[in-house]
Amino acid sequence: MNGTRVKLDVALTIDSATVLSHTESAVAVIDVLRATSTVSKALHSKASSVFPVSGLEAAKEAAMTLAPALLCGERLGVRPEGFDLGNSPLEYGEDAVAGKKLVLATTNGTKALDRYSDARLLTAASLLNATAVAEYLLSTGRDMILVCAGQDGTFGAEDAICAGMMVERMIKEGVLMTDPAWMALTAYRACRHDLAGSIKKCDHAGYLIEEGFEQDVEYCSKADILNVVPVATVLEGRTAVVRA
């Protein structure tokens, strides 16, 4: 790393201040349940691109502009009427998305991606691809920020656990971590021997299970099953996420 120790910070909520400037840093947005898990699965399944947007109406307009494109997303965890796909990563197999453009609107994750769209480098991370993204961020040699999307601006433990997993991969390379990064690492180490059981105890996991998405929670709790790094770029004048 050119003899300079890289700094690593964690924003424990989307609005948390960090000691680093995101416009000069490599940023990973984390929304384990479920947006960044869905983005990762979609790109693993050979979707050509994912266009994250903040609202349902914006998603409809973008899908029309980008046509042909699949209209995807959720509100209150459920696929809105008229949308092609929801926010379940299990819906995003190759048969559904290979070679296609997707427009995705979710309650938290796509808002976080939009919020940090002016980062020097922007990626999407989840437990599914945590190590792949951590290694990619390290390879840039830049200071790094892991952003936990959380729930409506509040803390989401599942995202902090994922951030902590990434921190553990990174500190082996001698990076300097901030207090929030250390807290995330501590959270991950407390539950790494039973990630699935720990994730199920999180508030949003309980809500999704009540809504019938227990299989999603179980799938999103799997660590490092996808070797894919989603990175943001600009396509057709819009922010898009593609495979690195």
Foldseek 3Di string as FASTA:
>chain_A
DVPDFAEEEEQQALPRDDPDDQLQAAEEEEDLPPQLVLQLLLQLQAAAWEFQDADQVVLVVVCVVPPPAFREEDDLQDTDPPGPYYGFSVVRHNVRGHHHYYYYYYNWRSVSCVVSVSGNWYWYDAQQALLLQLVVRVVVVHHYYYYYRDGPRDGWLRSLLSLLVSLVSNCVVPHHYDPSNVVSVVSNVVCVVPQLVVQCPIPVVVSCVVVPNVVSSNVSSHGHNGNWIWIWDADPNGIITHTD
